[in-house]
Amino acid sequence: MVSTQKGVDYVEKKLIRHESQVTLGVNLGKNKDSKTDIDDFLVCAEKLIPHANYITINLSSPNTPGLRELQNIYAIESLLLKLDILRKELKKMSIFNQVIS
């Protein structure tokens, strides 16, 4: 587990060095200081999907301010649609693990 304060670039560098035969999942969560929640999820997903076998979207952290706003159906649907578009774009470029598909 990596502290969110270190940022997505730090995590990406750690994952680039990670070579293993185990299945690797990445859990994306909202930063408490985020101003653009959905965009932040997308930036993190774009950087980290190529290094993971799967991702999870954490929308249920009770101590993260504003996170519950993302739990409404319209926010979730918007986020999932944008993540699906990103997944399809990355799949065309063949730059991520084949487990995500």
N, C-alpha and C. Protein backbone atom coordinates (compact mmCIF):
# COMPACT_ATOMS: atom_id res chain seq x y z
N MET A 1 0.85 -1.17 0.00
CA MET A 1 0.00 0.00 0.00
C MET A 1 0.89 1.23 0.00
N VAL A 2 0.52 2.22 -0.80
CA VAL A 2 1.31 3.44 -0.92
C VAL A 2 0.47 4.62 -0.45
N SER A 3 1.10 5.48 0.29
CA SER A 3 0.41 6.68 0.79
C SER A 3 -0.03 7.56 -0.37
N THR A 4 -1.26 8.08 -0.29
CA THR A 4 -1.77 8.93 -1.37
C THR A 4 -1.03 10.25 -1.44
N GLN A 5 -0.39 10.66 -0.36
CA GLN A 5 0.33 11.93 -0.38
C GLN A 5 1.54 11.88 -1.32
N LYS A 6 2.03 10.72 -1.60
CA LYS A 6 3.18 10.61 -2.49
C LYS A 6 2.80 10.78 -3.94
N GLY A 7 1.55 10.56 -4.28
CA GLY A 7 1.07 10.84 -5.62
C GLY A 7 1.14 9.69 -6.59
N VAL A 8 0.40 9.88 -7.67
CA VAL A 8 0.27 8.83 -8.68
C VAL A 8 1.60 8.59 -9.41
N ASP A 9 2.42 9.60 -9.58
CA ASP A 9 3.70 9.40 -10.26
C ASP A 9 4.62 8.49 -9.45
N TYR A 10 4.59 8.65 -8.15
CA TYR A 10 5.37 7.79 -7.26
C TYR A 10 4.90 6.33 -7.38
N VAL A 11 3.59 6.16 -7.36
CA VAL A 11 3.02 4.81 -7.47
C VAL A 11 3.36 4.20 -8.81
N GLU A 12 3.25 5.00 -9.88
CA GLU A 12 3.57 4.49 -11.21
C GLU A 12 5.02 4.01 -11.27
N LYS A 13 5.95 4.76 -10.70
CA LYS A 13 7.37 4.35 -10.71
C LYS A 13 7.55 3.03 -9.96
N LYS A 14 6.83 2.86 -8.85
CA LYS A 14 6.91 1.61 -8.10
C LYS A 14 6.37 0.44 -8.93
N LEU A 15 5.28 0.68 -9.64
CA LEU A 15 4.67 -0.38 -10.44
C LEU A 15 5.51 -0.74 -11.66
N ILE A 16 6.18 0.24 -12.23
CA ILE A 16 7.06 -0.03 -13.38
C ILE A 16 8.16 -1.00 -12.96
N ARG A 17 8.67 -0.83 -11.75
CA ARG A 17 9.74 -1.72 -11.25
C ARG A 17 9.19 -3.07 -10.80
N HIS A 18 7.88 -3.17 -10.66
CA HIS A 18 7.24 -4.40 -10.18
C HIS A 18 7.13 -5.41 -11.32
N GLU A 19 7.83 -6.50 -11.18
CA GLU A 19 7.69 -7.59 -12.14
C GLU A 19 7.44 -8.85 -11.35
N SER A 20 6.27 -9.39 -11.54
CA SER A 20 5.91 -10.57 -10.76
C SER A 20 4.90 -11.40 -11.52
N GLN A 21 4.76 -12.62 -11.10
CA GLN A 21 3.78 -13.51 -11.70
C GLN A 21 2.46 -13.48 -10.95
N VAL A 22 2.36 -12.66 -9.91
CA VAL A 22 1.12 -12.56 -9.15
C VAL A 22 0.18 -11.54 -9.80
N THR A 23 -1.10 -11.72 -9.57
CA THR A 23 -2.09 -10.76 -10.06
C THR A 23 -1.99 -9.50 -9.22
N LEU A 24 -1.93 -8.36 -9.90
CA LEU A 24 -1.76 -7.08 -9.21
C LEU A 24 -2.97 -6.19 -9.45
N GLY A 25 -3.58 -5.76 -8.36
CA GLY A 25 -4.72 -4.84 -8.44
C GLY A 25 -4.33 -3.47 -7.92
N VAL A 26 -4.96 -2.45 -8.45
CA VAL A 26 -4.74 -1.08 -8.02
C VAL A 26 -6.08 -0.52 -7.55
N ASN A 27 -6.08 0.03 -6.34
CA ASN A 27 -7.28 0.63 -5.76
C ASN A 27 -7.19 2.15 -5.91
N LEU A 28 -8.12 2.73 -6.65
CA LEU A 28 -8.14 4.18 -6.84
C LEU A 28 -9.11 4.81 -5.86
N GLY A 29 -8.64 5.82 -5.15
CA GLY A 29 -9.48 6.53 -4.19
C GLY A 29 -9.36 8.03 -4.37
N LYS A 30 -10.33 8.73 -3.88
CA LYS A 30 -10.38 10.19 -3.97
C LYS A 30 -9.39 10.81 -3.00
N ASN A 31 -8.68 11.81 -3.47
CA ASN A 31 -7.82 12.60 -2.61
C ASN A 31 -8.69 13.60 -1.87
N LYS A 32 -8.48 13.79 -0.59
CA LYS A 32 -9.33 14.69 0.19
C LYS A 32 -9.25 16.13 -0.28
N ASP A 33 -8.18 16.50 -0.98
CA ASP A 33 -8.01 17.87 -1.47
C ASP A 33 -8.45 18.05 -2.92
N SER A 34 -8.99 17.02 -3.51
CA SER A 34 -9.34 17.05 -4.93
C SER A 34 -10.44 18.06 -5.23
N LYS A 35 -10.25 18.77 -6.32
CA LYS A 35 -11.27 19.71 -6.80
C LYS A 35 -12.05 19.12 -7.98
N THR A 36 -11.43 18.17 -8.68
CA THR A 36 -12.04 17.55 -9.85
C THR A 36 -12.00 16.04 -9.70
N ASP A 37 -12.91 15.53 -8.89
CA ASP A 37 -12.88 14.12 -8.50
C ASP A 37 -12.80 13.15 -9.67
N ILE A 38 -13.72 13.27 -10.59
CA ILE A 38 -13.77 12.31 -11.70
C ILE A 38 -12.52 12.42 -12.56
N ASP A 39 -12.09 13.63 -12.83
CA ASP A 39 -10.86 13.81 -13.62
C ASP A 39 -9.65 13.21 -12.91
N ASP A 40 -9.61 13.35 -11.59
CA ASP A 40 -8.50 12.76 -10.83
C ASP A 40 -8.50 11.24 -10.93
N PHE A 41 -9.68 10.62 -10.83
CA PHE A 41 -9.77 9.18 -11.01
C PHE A 41 -9.25 8.78 -12.40
N LEU A 42 -9.62 9.54 -13.41
CA LEU A 42 -9.22 9.22 -14.78
C LEU A 42 -7.71 9.37 -14.99
N VAL A 43 -7.12 10.41 -14.42
CA VAL A 43 -5.67 10.61 -14.54
C VAL A 43 -4.94 9.44 -13.89
N CYS A 44 -5.38 9.08 -12.70
CA CYS A 44 -4.74 7.95 -12.00
C CYS A 44 -4.93 6.66 -12.79
N ALA A 45 -6.14 6.42 -13.27
CA ALA A 45 -6.42 5.20 -14.02
C ALA A 45 -5.54 5.13 -15.27
N GLU A 46 -5.45 6.23 -16.00
CA GLU A 46 -4.65 6.24 -17.23
C GLU A 46 -3.19 5.90 -16.95
N LYS A 47 -2.65 6.40 -15.86
CA LYS A 47 -1.24 6.14 -15.54
C LYS A 47 -1.02 4.74 -14.99
N LEU A 48 -2.02 4.21 -14.26
CA LEU A 48 -1.78 2.97 -13.53
C LEU A 48 -2.34 1.71 -14.20
N ILE A 49 -3.35 1.84 -15.04
CA ILE A 49 -3.92 0.66 -15.71
C ILE A 49 -2.87 -0.15 -16.47
N PRO A 50 -1.92 0.49 -17.15
CA PRO A 50 -0.95 -0.33 -17.89
C PRO A 50 -0.10 -1.25 -17.01
N HIS A 51 -0.10 -1.02 -15.71
CA HIS A 51 0.76 -1.79 -14.81
C HIS A 51 -0.03 -2.74 -13.91
N ALA A 52 -1.34 -2.81 -14.08
CA ALA A 52 -2.17 -3.61 -13.18
C ALA A 52 -2.98 -4.63 -13.97
N ASN A 53 -3.40 -5.67 -13.26
CA ASN A 53 -4.29 -6.65 -13.86
C ASN A 53 -5.74 -6.25 -13.70
N TYR A 54 -6.01 -5.45 -12.67
CA TYR A 54 -7.36 -4.92 -12.48
C TYR A 54 -7.30 -3.67 -11.62
N ILE A 55 -8.35 -2.87 -11.68
CA ILE A 55 -8.45 -1.71 -10.80
C ILE A 55 -9.77 -1.78 -10.04
N THR A 56 -9.78 -1.16 -8.89
CA THR A 56 -11.01 -0.97 -8.14
C THR A 56 -11.18 0.53 -7.91
N ILE A 57 -12.41 0.95 -7.81
CA ILE A 57 -12.73 2.36 -7.56
C ILE A 57 -13.31 2.44 -6.16
N ASN A 58 -12.63 3.13 -5.27
CA ASN A 58 -13.06 3.23 -3.89
C ASN A 58 -13.97 4.45 -3.72
N LEU A 59 -15.25 4.19 -3.51
CA LEU A 59 -16.23 5.26 -3.31
C LEU A 59 -16.85 5.21 -1.92
N SER A 60 -16.22 4.51 -0.99
CA SER A 60 -16.86 4.34 0.31
C SER A 60 -15.92 4.57 1.48
N SER A 61 -15.14 5.61 1.44
CA SER A 61 -14.27 5.95 2.56
C SER A 61 -14.95 7.03 3.40
N PRO A 62 -15.46 6.68 4.57
CA PRO A 62 -16.26 7.63 5.35
C PRO A 62 -15.48 8.86 5.83
N ASN A 63 -14.17 8.79 5.87
CA ASN A 63 -13.38 9.92 6.34
C ASN A 63 -12.91 10.86 5.23
N THR A 64 -13.28 10.57 3.99
CA THR A 64 -12.86 11.42 2.87
C THR A 64 -13.96 12.42 2.56
N PRO A 65 -13.68 13.71 2.77
CA PRO A 65 -14.70 14.74 2.52
C PRO A 65 -15.20 14.72 1.07
N GLY A 66 -16.52 14.76 0.90
CA GLY A 66 -17.12 14.85 -0.42
C GLY A 66 -17.23 13.54 -1.18
N LEU A 67 -16.68 12.48 -0.63
CA LEU A 67 -16.69 11.21 -1.36
C LEU A 67 -18.11 10.68 -1.55
N ARG A 68 -18.96 10.88 -0.59
CA ARG A 68 -20.33 10.38 -0.70
C ARG A 68 -21.09 11.01 -1.87
N GLU A 69 -20.67 12.20 -2.28
CA GLU A 69 -21.30 12.84 -3.45
C GLU A 69 -21.07 12.01 -4.71
N LEU A 70 -19.99 11.26 -4.75
CA LEU A 70 -19.70 10.42 -5.90
C LEU A 70 -20.51 9.13 -5.89
N GLN A 71 -21.26 8.89 -4.82
CA GLN A 71 -22.04 7.66 -4.72
C GLN A 71 -23.41 7.78 -5.36
N ASN A 72 -23.77 8.95 -5.84
CA ASN A 72 -25.07 9.04 -6.51
C ASN A 72 -24.96 8.42 -7.90
N ILE A 73 -26.06 7.94 -8.41
CA ILE A 73 -26.07 7.17 -9.67
C ILE A 73 -25.50 7.95 -10.85
N TYR A 74 -25.73 9.25 -10.90
CA TYR A 74 -25.25 10.05 -12.03
C TYR A 74 -23.74 10.20 -12.00
N ALA A 75 -23.17 10.40 -10.83
CA ALA A 75 -21.72 10.51 -10.71
C ALA A 75 -21.05 9.18 -11.02
N ILE A 76 -21.60 8.10 -10.46
CA ILE A 76 -21.02 6.77 -10.71
C ILE A 76 -21.10 6.41 -12.19
N GLU A 77 -22.26 6.66 -12.79
CA GLU A 77 -22.43 6.33 -14.21
C GLU A 77 -21.46 7.13 -15.06
N SER A 78 -21.30 8.42 -14.77
CA SER A 78 -20.37 9.26 -15.52
C SER A 78 -18.94 8.74 -15.38
N LEU A 79 -18.54 8.42 -14.16
CA LEU A 79 -17.19 7.90 -13.92
C LEU A 79 -16.97 6.58 -14.65
N LEU A 80 -17.92 5.66 -14.55
CA LEU A 80 -17.76 4.35 -15.19
C LEU A 80 -17.74 4.45 -16.71
N LEU A 81 -18.57 5.32 -17.27
CA LEU A 81 -18.55 5.51 -18.72
C LEU A 81 -17.20 6.06 -19.19
N LYS A 82 -16.68 7.02 -18.47
CA LYS A 82 -15.37 7.60 -18.84
C LYS A 82 -14.25 6.59 -18.66
N LEU A 83 -14.31 5.79 -17.61
CA LEU A 83 -13.30 4.75 -17.43
C LEU A 83 -13.39 3.69 -18.52
N ASP A 84 -14.59 3.36 -18.97
CA ASP A 84 -14.76 2.38 -20.03
C ASP A 84 -14.18 2.91 -21.35
N ILE A 85 -14.40 4.18 -21.63
CA ILE A 85 -13.80 4.80 -22.83
C ILE A 85 -12.28 4.73 -22.75
N LEU A 86 -11.74 5.09 -21.59
CA LEU A 86 -10.28 5.02 -21.39
C LEU A 86 -9.78 3.60 -21.57
N ARG A 87 -10.48 2.63 -20.99
CA ARG A 87 -10.09 1.23 -21.12
C ARG A 87 -10.04 0.80 -22.58
N LYS A 88 -11.05 1.20 -23.34
CA LYS A 88 -11.09 0.83 -24.76
C LYS A 88 -9.96 1.48 -25.54
N GLU A 89 -9.66 2.74 -25.22
CA GLU A 89 -8.55 3.43 -25.89
C GLU A 89 -7.22 2.74 -25.58
N LEU A 90 -7.00 2.41 -24.32
CA LEU A 90 -5.77 1.74 -23.94
C LEU A 90 -5.68 0.35 -24.54
N LYS A 91 -6.81 -0.33 -24.63
CA LYS A 91 -6.81 -1.68 -25.22
C LYS A 91 -6.40 -1.62 -26.69
N LYS A 92 -6.89 -0.60 -27.42
CA LYS A 92 -6.50 -0.45 -28.83
C LYS A 92 -5.00 -0.26 -28.95
N MET A 93 -4.41 0.41 -27.96
CA MET A 93 -2.97 0.68 -28.00
C MET A 93 -2.17 -0.50 -27.45
N SER A 94 -2.86 -1.53 -26.92
CA SER A 94 -2.24 -2.74 -26.40
C SER A 94 -1.13 -2.43 -25.38
N ILE A 95 -1.44 -1.53 -24.44
CA ILE A 95 -0.39 -1.16 -23.48
C ILE A 95 -0.72 -1.57 -22.06
N PHE A 96 -1.70 -2.44 -21.87
CA PHE A 96 -1.98 -2.86 -20.50
C PHE A 96 -2.15 -4.35 -20.42
N ASN A 97 -2.08 -4.83 -19.19
CA ASN A 97 -2.23 -6.26 -18.94
C ASN A 97 -3.56 -6.76 -19.47
N GLN A 98 -3.58 -7.92 -19.99
CA GLN A 98 -4.77 -8.47 -20.65
C GLN A 98 -5.88 -8.87 -19.70
N VAL A 99 -5.65 -8.91 -18.40
CA VAL A 99 -6.70 -9.27 -17.48
C VAL A 99 -7.80 -8.21 -17.51
N ILE A 100 -7.42 -6.93 -17.68
CA ILE A 100 -8.43 -5.85 -17.78
C ILE A 100 -8.98 -5.85 -19.19
N SER A 101 -10.21 -6.24 -19.35
CA SER A 101 -10.78 -6.24 -20.70
C SER A 101 -12.26 -6.33 -20.71
